[in-house]
Amino acid sequence: MCAGYRSQSIQLLFGASLVLPLGGSSASYSVVGIGAMLGNGYQDVLFRNGTNGDTGFYVIASNGSLSSWVGIGTTSLANSIAGIGAFFSNGTQ
């Protein structure tokens, strides 16, 4: 693995424990939340880059595999993510 990169994995619960390796990513990105971002009942993984504020999430498919990356945008490093939730009660995080 290249310097500055680390292996990331998450542990999801689908009735039984499943460890899902996400592969290598920049050491600047950290997992900041897990939730059904698309409202489909599958738990996606929210990441934020602590160096430049870039934020996005990996979509987790129904079979537990990574489907795609969805970029949300960049925010000021003065801001931080404190939590995620369905704030509008519509089933979407």
Protein backbone atom coordinates (compact mmCIF):
# COMPACT_ATOMS: atom_id res chain seq x y z
CA MET A 1 0.00 0.00 0.00
CA CYS A 2 1.26 3.50 -0.82
CA ALA A 3 2.35 5.92 1.88
CA GLY A 4 -0.52 8.17 2.95
CA TYR A 5 -3.15 5.51 2.26
CA ARG A 6 -4.82 3.09 4.62
CA SER A 7 -7.06 0.09 4.30
CA GLN A 8 -10.62 0.79 5.39
CA SER A 9 -13.37 -1.62 6.31
CA ILE A 10 -16.70 -1.42 8.05
CA GLN A 11 -18.73 -3.95 9.93
CA LEU A 12 -22.39 -4.16 8.95
CA LEU A 13 -25.12 -6.22 10.50
CA PHE A 14 -27.38 -8.10 8.10
CA GLY A 15 -28.80 -10.57 10.61
CA ALA A 16 -25.21 -11.80 10.99
CA SER A 17 -22.03 -9.81 11.24
CA LEU A 18 -20.34 -9.01 7.93
CA VAL A 19 -17.03 -7.18 7.53
CA LEU A 20 -16.97 -5.28 4.24
CA PRO A 21 -13.49 -4.28 3.05
CA LEU A 22 -13.64 -0.91 1.32
CA GLY A 23 -10.11 -1.09 -0.01
CA GLY A 24 -7.46 1.58 0.23
CA SER A 25 -8.33 5.21 0.66
CA SER A 26 -6.53 8.40 1.43
CA ALA A 27 -5.59 8.66 5.09
CA SER A 28 -7.33 12.06 4.99
CA TYR A 29 -10.80 10.41 4.76
CA SER A 30 -12.59 9.09 7.83
CA VAL A 31 -15.92 7.37 8.33
CA VAL A 32 -18.24 9.96 9.92
CA GLY A 33 -21.59 8.17 9.71
CA ILE A 34 -23.55 5.17 8.56
CA GLY A 35 -27.16 5.41 7.41
CA ALA A 36 -29.62 4.79 4.59
CA MET A 37 -28.73 7.94 2.62
CA LEU A 38 -30.93 6.95 -0.34
CA GLY A 39 -33.89 5.83 1.78
CA ASN A 40 -33.72 2.30 0.39
CA GLY A 41 -33.13 0.57 3.73
CA TYR A 42 -29.47 -0.25 3.01
CA GLN A 43 -26.85 1.37 5.24
CA ASP A 44 -24.45 3.55 3.24
CA VAL A 45 -21.12 4.87 4.57
CA LEU A 46 -20.48 8.62 4.91
CA PHE A 47 -16.86 9.82 4.63
CA ARG A 48 -15.26 13.23 5.15
CA ASN A 49 -11.80 14.40 4.21
CA GLY A 50 -10.27 16.10 7.25
CA THR A 51 -7.75 17.94 5.09
CA ASN A 52 -10.01 19.70 2.58
CA GLY A 53 -13.62 19.13 3.80
CA ASP A 54 -14.68 16.94 0.86
CA THR A 55 -17.69 14.82 1.86
CA GLY A 56 -19.45 11.91 0.19
CA PHE A 57 -20.75 8.41 0.73
CA TYR A 58 -20.37 4.93 -0.67
CA VAL A 59 -23.66 3.34 -1.71
CA ILE A 60 -23.92 -0.21 -0.39
CA ALA A 61 -25.87 -2.55 -2.72
CA SER A 62 -28.42 -5.11 -1.51
CA ASN A 63 -25.78 -7.86 -1.72
CA GLY A 64 -23.43 -5.89 0.56
CA SER A 65 -21.02 -4.81 -2.19
CA LEU A 66 -19.96 -1.25 -2.93
CA SER A 67 -22.15 0.19 -5.65
CA SER A 68 -20.87 3.73 -6.20
CA TRP A 69 -19.42 6.89 -4.66
CA VAL A 70 -21.74 9.89 -4.29
CA GLY A 71 -19.95 13.18 -3.77
CA ILE A 72 -21.86 15.63 -1.59
CA GLY A 73 -19.47 18.56 -1.76
CA THR A 74 -16.87 20.42 0.24
CA THR A 75 -17.44 22.33 3.47
CA SER A 76 -15.27 24.54 5.61
CA LEU A 77 -12.90 22.73 7.95
CA ALA A 78 -14.38 24.93 10.70
CA ASN A 79 -17.52 22.74 10.42
CA SER A 80 -17.78 19.10 11.46
CA ILE A 81 -20.35 16.34 11.10
CA ALA A 82 -21.91 15.60 14.48
CA GLY A 83 -24.44 12.99 13.31
CA ILE A 84 -26.81 11.89 10.61
CA GLY A 85 -30.52 11.09 10.75
CA ALA A 86 -33.89 11.27 9.01
CA PHE A 87 -34.56 14.90 9.94
CA PHE A 88 -37.59 15.22 7.65
CA SER A 89 -39.16 11.86 8.68
CA ASN A 90 -39.20 10.71 5.06
CA GLY A 91 -36.97 7.65 5.49
CA THR A 92 -33.90 9.35 4.00
CA GLN A 93 -30.89 10.15 6.21
